């Protein structure tokens, strides 16, 4: 699965038909963690970074010309897990969530590209332990294990910590 595909000119043209053109400057925040109804952005020029949700804002992904933002929370309607920040000014196509659904319903090629990337990005976030859930507990605790299994079944990225010190060292 590819988590960062580059769209073809033809694919971008089909998105452009229903998207809003948006000029952005370095430092603009496109969306924040816990924000609802996050749009999809296609980078035409410039650079957009996705950063983690904690203080150090480690860069998790970089989106360049022809690439797009978004992950499974865009489809599920749940709150965003990450922050999207413009690292280099440019031009984006902005596609609201309802327009993403409409496009995916009529364009199977783009639907496959988006879904493959969204699933791959969510799996990567789970592997990295990135997200907005921190689970404290011992590894031998039945309750902790039950919560970890619940989070995994629901594809919720989370970080496991047995102490505050280990949490701070992991970040």
N, C-alpha and C. Protein backbone atom coordinates (compact mmCIF):
# COMPACT_ATOMS: atom_id res chain seq x y z
N UNK A 1 0.84 -1.18 0.00
CA UNK A 1 0.00 0.00 0.00
C UNK A 1 0.88 1.25 0.00
N UNK A 2 0.48 2.21 -0.79
CA UNK A 2 1.23 3.47 -0.86
C UNK A 2 0.54 4.53 -0.01
N UNK A 3 1.31 5.12 0.89
CA UNK A 3 0.72 6.14 1.76
C UNK A 3 0.90 7.56 1.23
N UNK A 4 1.74 7.74 0.20
CA UNK A 4 1.98 9.09 -0.29
C UNK A 4 2.05 9.12 -1.82
N UNK A 5 0.97 8.73 -2.50
CA UNK A 5 1.00 8.70 -3.97
C UNK A 5 0.97 10.11 -4.57
N UNK A 6 1.47 10.20 -5.77
CA UNK A 6 1.41 11.45 -6.53
C UNK A 6 0.34 11.29 -7.60
N UNK A 7 -0.60 12.21 -7.64
CA UNK A 7 -1.70 12.15 -8.60
C UNK A 7 -1.20 12.54 -9.99
N UNK A 8 -1.84 11.99 -11.01
CA UNK A 8 -1.53 12.37 -12.39
C UNK A 8 -2.20 13.70 -12.71
N UNK A 9 -1.78 14.33 -13.80
CA UNK A 9 -2.42 15.58 -14.23
C UNK A 9 -3.91 15.37 -14.51
N UNK A 10 -4.24 14.24 -15.12
CA UNK A 10 -5.64 13.93 -15.39
C UNK A 10 -6.47 13.81 -14.12
N UNK A 11 -5.92 13.16 -13.11
CA UNK A 11 -6.62 13.02 -11.83
C UNK A 11 -6.81 14.39 -11.18
N UNK A 12 -5.76 15.21 -11.21
CA UNK A 12 -5.84 16.55 -10.63
C UNK A 12 -6.88 17.39 -11.36
N UNK A 13 -6.94 17.27 -12.69
CA UNK A 13 -7.93 18.02 -13.46
C UNK A 13 -9.35 17.64 -13.06
N UNK A 14 -9.59 16.35 -12.80
CA UNK A 14 -10.92 15.92 -12.39
C UNK A 14 -11.28 16.46 -11.01
N UNK A 15 -10.30 16.56 -10.12
CA UNK A 15 -10.53 17.13 -8.79
C UNK A 15 -10.77 18.63 -8.91
N UNK A 16 -10.00 19.29 -9.77
CA UNK A 16 -10.08 20.74 -9.94
C UNK A 16 -11.49 21.19 -10.33
N UNK A 17 -12.23 20.33 -11.06
CA UNK A 17 -13.58 20.67 -11.51
C UNK A 17 -14.53 20.98 -10.35
N UNK A 18 -14.31 20.35 -9.19
CA UNK A 18 -15.24 20.54 -8.06
C UNK A 18 -14.57 21.16 -6.83
N UNK A 19 -13.28 21.43 -6.91
CA UNK A 19 -12.54 21.94 -5.75
C UNK A 19 -12.46 23.46 -5.76
N UNK A 20 -12.05 24.00 -4.64
CA UNK A 20 -11.81 25.43 -4.49
C UNK A 20 -10.31 25.67 -4.52
N UNK A 21 -9.87 26.62 -5.34
CA UNK A 21 -8.46 26.99 -5.40
C UNK A 21 -8.13 27.85 -4.20
N UNK A 22 -7.04 27.53 -3.51
CA UNK A 22 -6.69 28.27 -2.29
C UNK A 22 -5.20 28.61 -2.30
N UNK A 23 -4.90 29.89 -2.20
CA UNK A 23 -3.52 30.37 -2.06
C UNK A 23 -3.15 30.30 -0.58
N UNK A 24 -1.96 29.77 -0.28
CA UNK A 24 -1.54 29.64 1.11
C UNK A 24 -0.12 30.20 1.29
N UNK A 25 0.15 30.60 2.52
CA UNK A 25 1.47 31.13 2.88
C UNK A 25 2.12 30.22 3.90
N UNK A 26 3.44 30.27 3.96
CA UNK A 26 4.18 29.50 4.95
C UNK A 26 3.66 29.84 6.34
N UNK A 27 3.39 28.81 7.13
CA UNK A 27 2.89 28.99 8.49
C UNK A 27 1.38 28.87 8.62
N UNK A 28 0.65 28.90 7.49
CA UNK A 28 -0.80 28.73 7.56
C UNK A 28 -1.14 27.34 8.11
N UNK A 29 -2.10 27.29 9.02
CA UNK A 29 -2.57 26.01 9.55
C UNK A 29 -3.82 25.63 8.77
N UNK A 30 -3.79 24.47 8.13
CA UNK A 30 -4.93 24.00 7.35
C UNK A 30 -5.97 23.32 8.24
N UNK A 31 -5.50 22.55 9.21
CA UNK A 31 -6.37 21.97 10.22
C UNK A 31 -5.54 21.55 11.42
N UNK A 32 -6.25 21.43 12.54
CA UNK A 32 -5.64 21.11 13.83
C UNK A 32 -6.12 19.74 14.31
N UNK A 33 -5.37 19.14 15.25
CA UNK A 33 -5.85 17.91 15.87
C UNK A 33 -7.21 18.15 16.54
N UNK A 34 -8.06 17.18 16.50
CA UNK A 34 -9.41 17.21 17.09
C UNK A 34 -10.40 18.05 16.30
N UNK A 35 -10.00 18.57 15.15
CA UNK A 35 -10.94 19.34 14.32
C UNK A 35 -11.85 18.38 13.57
N UNK A 36 -13.12 18.74 13.49
CA UNK A 36 -14.10 17.95 12.75
C UNK A 36 -14.19 18.44 11.30
N UNK A 37 -14.68 17.58 10.42
CA UNK A 37 -14.93 17.93 9.02
C UNK A 37 -13.72 18.53 8.32
N UNK A 38 -12.62 17.84 8.41
CA UNK A 38 -11.38 18.29 7.79
C UNK A 38 -11.45 18.06 6.28
N UNK A 39 -11.15 19.09 5.49
CA UNK A 39 -11.17 18.91 4.03
C UNK A 39 -9.93 18.17 3.54
N UNK A 40 -9.99 17.73 2.30
CA UNK A 40 -8.84 17.14 1.63
C UNK A 40 -8.17 18.26 0.85
N UNK A 41 -6.84 18.32 0.88
CA UNK A 41 -6.09 19.32 0.14
C UNK A 41 -5.18 18.62 -0.85
N UNK A 42 -5.19 19.08 -2.09
CA UNK A 42 -4.25 18.61 -3.11
C UNK A 42 -3.25 19.73 -3.32
N UNK A 43 -1.97 19.41 -3.20
CA UNK A 43 -0.92 20.41 -3.34
C UNK A 43 -0.62 20.61 -4.83
N UNK A 44 -0.84 21.83 -5.32
CA UNK A 44 -0.47 22.17 -6.70
C UNK A 44 0.95 22.75 -6.72
N UNK A 45 1.24 23.57 -5.72
CA UNK A 45 2.60 24.09 -5.53
C UNK A 45 2.77 24.38 -4.06
N UNK A 46 4.02 24.37 -3.59
CA UNK A 46 4.29 24.56 -2.17
C UNK A 46 4.49 23.24 -1.47
N UNK A 47 4.52 23.29 -0.15
CA UNK A 47 4.74 22.09 0.67
C UNK A 47 3.83 22.15 1.90
N UNK A 48 3.18 21.04 2.20
CA UNK A 48 2.34 20.90 3.39
C UNK A 48 2.91 19.78 4.24
N UNK A 49 3.04 20.03 5.55
CA UNK A 49 3.52 18.98 6.44
C UNK A 49 2.39 18.55 7.37
N UNK A 50 2.43 17.28 7.74
CA UNK A 50 1.54 16.75 8.77
C UNK A 50 2.41 16.50 9.98
N UNK A 51 2.00 17.04 11.13
CA UNK A 51 2.79 16.91 12.34
C UNK A 51 1.99 16.21 13.42
N UNK A 52 2.73 15.65 14.37
CA UNK A 52 2.11 14.95 15.49
C UNK A 52 1.35 15.93 16.37
N UNK A 53 0.63 15.40 17.30
CA UNK A 53 -0.28 16.23 18.10
C UNK A 53 0.32 16.75 19.40
N UNK A 54 1.53 16.34 19.74
CA UNK A 54 2.10 16.80 21.01
C UNK A 54 3.05 17.98 20.80
N UNK A 55 3.64 18.44 21.87
CA UNK A 55 4.38 19.69 21.88
C UNK A 55 5.48 19.82 20.83
N UNK A 56 6.24 18.78 20.57
CA UNK A 56 7.39 18.94 19.67
C UNK A 56 7.01 19.01 18.20
N UNK A 57 5.79 18.66 17.85
CA UNK A 57 5.29 18.73 16.48
C UNK A 57 6.24 18.09 15.47
N UNK A 58 6.68 16.88 15.78
CA UNK A 58 7.53 16.14 14.86
C UNK A 58 6.80 15.94 13.53
N UNK A 59 7.50 16.14 12.43
CA UNK A 59 6.90 15.97 11.10
C UNK A 59 6.72 14.48 10.82
N UNK A 60 5.48 14.10 10.52
CA UNK A 60 5.15 12.72 10.19
C UNK A 60 5.12 12.49 8.70
N UNK A 61 4.75 13.51 7.93
CA UNK A 61 4.64 13.36 6.48
C UNK A 61 4.80 14.73 5.82
N UNK A 62 5.29 14.68 4.59
CA UNK A 62 5.44 15.89 3.78
C UNK A 62 4.68 15.66 2.48
N UNK A 63 3.84 16.62 2.12
CA UNK A 63 3.06 16.53 0.88
C UNK A 63 3.55 17.63 -0.07
N UNK A 64 3.93 17.21 -1.27
CA UNK A 64 4.46 18.12 -2.29
C UNK A 64 3.50 18.15 -3.48
N UNK A 65 3.88 18.88 -4.52
CA UNK A 65 3.03 19.02 -5.72
C UNK A 65 2.53 17.67 -6.21
N UNK A 66 1.21 17.59 -6.40
CA UNK A 66 0.57 16.37 -6.89
C UNK A 66 0.14 15.42 -5.79
N UNK A 67 0.50 15.70 -4.55
CA UNK A 67 0.14 14.83 -3.44
C UNK A 67 -1.01 15.46 -2.64
N UNK A 68 -1.60 14.70 -1.75
CA UNK A 68 -2.80 15.16 -1.04
C UNK A 68 -2.75 14.80 0.43
N UNK A 69 -3.53 15.55 1.21
CA UNK A 69 -3.65 15.30 2.65
C UNK A 69 -4.83 14.37 2.89
N UNK A 70 -4.98 13.96 4.13
CA UNK A 70 -6.15 13.17 4.52
C UNK A 70 -5.80 11.78 4.98
N UNK A 71 -6.65 11.24 5.83
CA UNK A 71 -6.54 9.85 6.27
C UNK A 71 -7.93 9.39 6.69
N UNK A 72 -8.05 8.24 7.31
CA UNK A 72 -9.35 7.62 7.55
C UNK A 72 -10.34 8.50 8.32
N UNK A 73 -9.87 9.43 9.12
CA UNK A 73 -10.81 10.29 9.84
C UNK A 73 -11.61 11.17 8.89
N UNK A 74 -11.07 11.44 7.71
CA UNK A 74 -11.82 12.19 6.71
C UNK A 74 -13.04 11.38 6.25
N UNK A 75 -12.87 10.08 6.10
CA UNK A 75 -13.96 9.20 5.68
C UNK A 75 -14.92 8.92 6.83
N UNK A 76 -14.38 8.64 8.01
CA UNK A 76 -15.22 8.26 9.15
C UNK A 76 -15.97 9.44 9.76
N UNK A 77 -15.49 10.65 9.52
CA UNK A 77 -16.11 11.82 10.11
C UNK A 77 -15.64 12.09 11.52
N UNK A 78 -14.65 11.31 11.97
CA UNK A 78 -14.10 11.53 13.31
C UNK A 78 -13.14 12.72 13.29
N UNK A 79 -12.75 13.13 14.45
CA UNK A 79 -11.84 14.27 14.58
C UNK A 79 -10.46 13.94 14.00
N UNK A 80 -9.81 14.98 13.47
CA UNK A 80 -8.47 14.84 12.92
C UNK A 80 -7.49 14.43 14.03
N UNK A 81 -6.53 13.60 13.68
CA UNK A 81 -5.52 13.16 14.65
C UNK A 81 -4.24 13.97 14.54
N UNK A 82 -4.08 14.71 13.46
CA UNK A 82 -2.83 15.41 13.20
C UNK A 82 -3.07 16.85 12.78
N UNK A 83 -1.99 17.59 12.69
CA UNK A 83 -2.03 18.99 12.26
C UNK A 83 -1.45 19.08 10.86
N UNK A 84 -2.09 19.87 10.00
CA UNK A 84 -1.56 20.13 8.65
C UNK A 84 -1.12 21.59 8.61
N UNK A 85 0.15 21.78 8.29
CA UNK A 85 0.77 23.10 8.31
C UNK A 85 1.45 23.37 6.98
N UNK A 86 1.27 24.56 6.44
CA UNK A 86 1.94 24.94 5.19
C UNK A 86 3.39 25.27 5.52
N UNK A 87 4.32 24.49 4.98
CA UNK A 87 5.75 24.71 5.22
C UNK A 87 6.35 25.64 4.17
N UNK A 88 5.75 25.63 3.00
CA UNK A 88 6.21 26.48 1.89
C UNK A 88 4.98 26.95 1.14
N UNK A 89 4.82 28.26 1.04
CA UNK A 89 3.63 28.83 0.41
C UNK A 89 3.41 28.32 -1.00
N UNK A 90 2.15 28.37 -1.44
CA UNK A 90 1.83 27.91 -2.78
C UNK A 90 0.33 27.92 -3.02
N UNK A 91 -0.11 26.96 -3.83
CA UNK A 91 -1.51 26.87 -4.20
C UNK A 91 -2.00 25.45 -3.95
N UNK A 92 -3.20 25.36 -3.37
CA UNK A 92 -3.82 24.07 -3.07
C UNK A 92 -5.19 24.00 -3.69
N UNK A 93 -5.67 22.79 -3.89
CA UNK A 93 -7.07 22.56 -4.18
C UNK A 93 -7.70 22.08 -2.88
N UNK A 94 -8.78 22.70 -2.48
CA UNK A 94 -9.48 22.32 -1.24
C UNK A 94 -10.79 21.64 -1.60
N UNK A 95 -10.99 20.46 -1.03
CA UNK A 95 -12.17 19.67 -1.32
C UNK A 95 -12.85 19.32 0.00
N UNK A 96 -14.03 19.89 0.23
CA UNK A 96 -14.77 19.60 1.45
C UNK A 96 -15.17 18.12 1.47
N UNK A 97 -15.41 17.62 2.67
CA UNK A 97 -15.69 16.19 2.88
C UNK A 97 -16.83 15.67 1.99
N UNK A 98 -17.93 16.42 1.88
CA UNK A 98 -19.05 15.95 1.06
C UNK A 98 -18.65 15.86 -0.42
N UNK A 99 -17.79 16.75 -0.87
CA UNK A 99 -17.32 16.70 -2.26
C UNK A 99 -16.35 15.53 -2.48
N UNK A 100 -15.59 15.19 -1.44
CA UNK A 100 -14.71 14.01 -1.53
C UNK A 100 -15.57 12.77 -1.75
N UNK A 101 -16.66 12.65 -0.97
CA UNK A 101 -17.56 11.50 -1.12
C UNK A 101 -18.19 11.47 -2.51
N UNK A 102 -18.64 12.61 -2.99
CA UNK A 102 -19.26 12.66 -4.32
C UNK A 102 -18.26 12.26 -5.39
N UNK A 103 -17.05 12.74 -5.28
CA UNK A 103 -16.00 12.40 -6.25
C UNK A 103 -15.68 10.91 -6.20
N UNK A 104 -15.55 10.36 -5.00
CA UNK A 104 -15.24 8.94 -4.86
C UNK A 104 -16.36 8.06 -5.39
N UNK A 105 -17.60 8.52 -5.28
CA UNK A 105 -18.75 7.75 -5.77
C UNK A 105 -18.76 7.65 -7.29
N UNK A 106 -18.29 8.68 -7.96
CA UNK A 106 -18.36 8.67 -9.43
C UNK A 106 -17.02 8.36 -10.11
N UNK A 107 -15.90 8.43 -9.39
CA UNK A 107 -14.58 8.22 -9.99
C UNK A 107 -13.88 7.09 -9.25
N UNK A 108 -14.01 5.88 -9.76
CA UNK A 108 -13.46 4.72 -9.06
C UNK A 108 -11.93 4.75 -9.00
N UNK A 109 -11.30 5.32 -10.00
CA UNK A 109 -9.83 5.39 -9.98
C UNK A 109 -9.34 6.25 -8.81
N UNK A 110 -9.91 7.45 -8.68
CA UNK A 110 -9.53 8.32 -7.56
C UNK A 110 -9.96 7.72 -6.23
N UNK A 111 -11.10 7.07 -6.20
CA UNK A 111 -11.56 6.42 -4.98
C UNK A 111 -10.53 5.40 -4.49
N UNK A 112 -10.01 4.59 -5.39
CA UNK A 112 -9.00 3.59 -5.03
C UNK A 112 -7.72 4.26 -4.54
N UNK A 113 -7.28 5.31 -5.21
CA UNK A 113 -6.06 6.02 -4.80
C UNK A 113 -6.24 6.61 -3.40
N UNK A 114 -7.35 7.30 -3.18
CA UNK A 114 -7.60 7.91 -1.87
C UNK A 114 -7.69 6.85 -0.78
N UNK A 115 -8.51 5.83 -0.99
CA UNK A 115 -8.72 4.82 0.06
C UNK A 115 -7.43 4.07 0.39
N UNK A 116 -6.65 3.72 -0.62
CA UNK A 116 -5.39 3.03 -0.36
C UNK A 116 -4.47 3.91 0.49
N UNK A 117 -4.38 5.19 0.15
CA UNK A 117 -3.54 6.11 0.91
C UNK A 117 -4.08 6.32 2.32
N UNK A 118 -5.39 6.50 2.46
CA UNK A 118 -5.99 6.74 3.78
C UNK A 118 -5.75 5.54 4.71
N UNK A 119 -5.96 4.34 4.19
CA UNK A 119 -5.75 3.13 5.01
C UNK A 119 -4.27 2.99 5.36
N UNK A 120 -3.39 3.19 4.38
CA UNK A 120 -1.95 3.07 4.65
C UNK A 120 -1.49 4.09 5.68
N UNK A 121 -2.02 5.30 5.60
CA UNK A 121 -1.65 6.35 6.56
C UNK A 121 -2.13 6.01 7.96
N UNK A 122 -3.34 5.47 8.07
CA UNK A 122 -3.86 5.08 9.39
C UNK A 122 -3.02 3.95 9.97
N UNK A 123 -2.69 2.96 9.14
CA UNK A 123 -1.86 1.85 9.62
C UNK A 123 -0.49 2.34 10.07
N UNK A 124 0.07 3.28 9.35
CA UNK A 124 1.36 3.86 9.72
C UNK A 124 1.25 4.59 11.06
N UNK A 125 0.16 5.33 11.25
CA UNK A 125 -0.04 6.03 12.53
C UNK A 125 -0.17 5.05 13.68
N UNK A 126 -0.84 3.93 13.45
CA UNK A 126 -0.98 2.91 14.48
C UNK A 126 0.39 2.31 14.81
N UNK A 127 1.18 2.00 13.76
CA UNK A 127 2.52 1.44 13.97
C UNK A 127 3.42 2.40 14.73
N UNK A 128 3.31 3.70 14.44
CA UNK A 128 4.15 4.70 15.10
C UNK A 128 3.63 5.10 16.47
N UNK A 129 2.41 4.66 16.79
CA UNK A 129 1.81 5.04 18.07
C UNK A 129 1.42 6.51 18.10
N UNK A 130 1.10 7.05 16.94
CA UNK A 130 0.70 8.46 16.86
C UNK A 130 -0.81 8.55 16.94
N UNK A 131 -1.29 9.57 17.54
CA UNK A 131 -2.72 9.77 17.67
C UNK A 131 -3.02 10.56 18.91
N UNK A 132 -4.26 10.60 19.29
CA UNK A 132 -4.64 11.43 20.43
C UNK A 132 -5.07 10.61 21.64
N UNK A 133 -4.65 9.33 21.69
CA UNK A 133 -4.96 8.48 22.84
C UNK A 133 -3.65 7.98 23.45
N UNK A 134 -3.48 8.22 24.74
CA UNK A 134 -2.34 7.68 25.47
C UNK A 134 -2.92 6.75 26.52
N UNK A 135 -2.49 5.50 26.48
CA UNK A 135 -2.99 4.49 27.41
C UNK A 135 -1.93 4.23 28.47
N UNK A 136 -2.25 4.51 29.72
CA UNK A 136 -1.35 4.26 30.83
C UNK A 136 -1.75 2.96 31.51
N UNK A 137 -0.76 2.13 31.83
CA UNK A 137 -1.04 0.89 32.52
C UNK A 137 0.12 -0.06 32.39
N UNK A 138 0.05 -1.15 33.12
CA UNK A 138 1.11 -2.15 33.03
C UNK A 138 0.77 -3.15 31.92
N UNK A 139 1.80 -3.70 31.33
CA UNK A 139 1.59 -4.66 30.24
C UNK A 139 0.96 -5.96 30.73
N UNK A 140 1.07 -6.23 32.02
CA UNK A 140 0.50 -7.47 32.56
C UNK A 140 -0.94 -7.32 33.02
N UNK A 141 -1.47 -6.11 32.97
CA UNK A 141 -2.83 -5.85 33.44
C UNK A 141 -3.86 -6.32 32.41
N UNK A 142 -4.85 -7.07 32.87
CA UNK A 142 -5.92 -7.54 31.99
C UNK A 142 -6.74 -6.36 31.47
N UNK A 143 -6.95 -5.37 32.31
CA UNK A 143 -7.72 -4.19 31.88
C UNK A 143 -6.97 -3.40 30.81
N UNK A 144 -5.67 -3.26 30.99
CA UNK A 144 -4.87 -2.55 29.99
C UNK A 144 -4.90 -3.31 28.67
N UNK A 145 -4.75 -4.62 28.73
CA UNK A 145 -4.80 -5.44 27.53
C UNK A 145 -6.15 -5.32 26.83
N UNK A 146 -7.22 -5.33 27.59
CA UNK A 146 -8.56 -5.19 27.00
C UNK A 146 -8.71 -3.85 26.29
N UNK A 147 -8.20 -2.78 26.90
CA UNK A 147 -8.27 -1.47 26.27
C UNK A 147 -7.41 -1.41 25.00
N UNK A 148 -6.22 -2.00 25.05
CA UNK A 148 -5.36 -2.02 23.86
C UNK A 148 -6.04 -2.78 22.72
N UNK A 149 -6.66 -3.91 23.03
CA UNK A 149 -7.36 -4.69 22.01
C UNK A 149 -8.53 -3.90 21.43
N UNK A 150 -9.26 -3.19 22.27
CA UNK A 150 -10.36 -2.36 21.81
C UNK A 150 -9.86 -1.29 20.85
N UNK A 151 -8.80 -0.59 21.22
CA UNK A 151 -8.24 0.46 20.37
C UNK A 151 -7.75 -0.12 19.04
N UNK A 152 -7.12 -1.26 19.07
CA UNK A 152 -6.62 -1.90 17.84
C UNK A 152 -7.78 -2.31 16.94
N UNK A 153 -8.80 -2.93 17.51
CA UNK A 153 -9.97 -3.35 16.73
C UNK A 153 -10.64 -2.16 16.05
N UNK A 154 -10.61 -1.01 16.70
CA UNK A 154 -11.25 0.19 16.18
C UNK A 154 -10.29 1.08 15.40
N UNK A 155 -9.12 0.54 15.07
CA UNK A 155 -8.11 1.25 14.28
C UNK A 155 -7.82 2.64 14.83
N UNK A 156 -7.68 2.71 16.16
CA UNK A 156 -7.40 3.98 16.82
C UNK A 156 -5.92 4.03 17.18
N UNK A 157 -5.17 4.91 16.55
CA UNK A 157 -3.75 5.04 16.90
C UNK A 157 -3.61 5.46 18.36
N UNK A 158 -2.69 4.81 19.07
CA UNK A 158 -2.52 5.12 20.49
C UNK A 158 -1.09 4.85 20.90
N UNK A 159 -0.70 5.44 22.00
CA UNK A 159 0.62 5.24 22.58
C UNK A 159 0.43 4.56 23.91
N UNK A 160 1.18 3.48 24.14
CA UNK A 160 1.11 2.76 25.42
C UNK A 160 2.25 3.23 26.30
N UNK A 161 1.94 3.53 27.55
CA UNK A 161 2.96 3.98 28.49
C UNK A 161 2.72 3.35 29.85
N UNK A 162 3.81 2.93 30.48
CA UNK A 162 3.68 2.37 31.83
C UNK A 162 4.01 3.42 32.88
N UNK A 163 4.55 4.55 32.44
CA UNK A 163 4.82 5.65 33.38
C UNK A 163 4.91 6.96 32.62
N UNK A 164 4.76 8.04 33.34
CA UNK A 164 4.90 9.36 32.74
C UNK A 164 6.31 9.53 32.20
N UNK A 165 7.32 9.04 32.90
CA UNK A 165 8.70 9.18 32.46
C UNK A 165 8.92 8.50 31.10
N UNK A 166 8.41 7.27 30.93
CA UNK A 166 8.60 6.58 29.66
C UNK A 166 7.84 7.27 28.54
N UNK A 167 6.70 7.86 28.86
CA UNK A 167 5.95 8.63 27.86
C UNK A 167 6.78 9.80 27.38
N UNK A 168 7.37 10.54 28.29
CA UNK A 168 8.16 11.71 27.91
C UNK A 168 9.40 11.30 27.13
N UNK A 169 10.02 10.18 27.48
CA UNK A 169 11.20 9.71 26.75
C UNK A 169 10.82 9.25 25.36
N UNK A 170 9.63 8.66 25.17
CA UNK A 170 9.20 8.17 23.86
C UNK A 170 8.93 9.31 22.91
N UNK A 171 8.54 10.44 23.42
CA UNK A 171 8.21 11.59 22.59
C UNK A 171 9.45 12.42 22.38
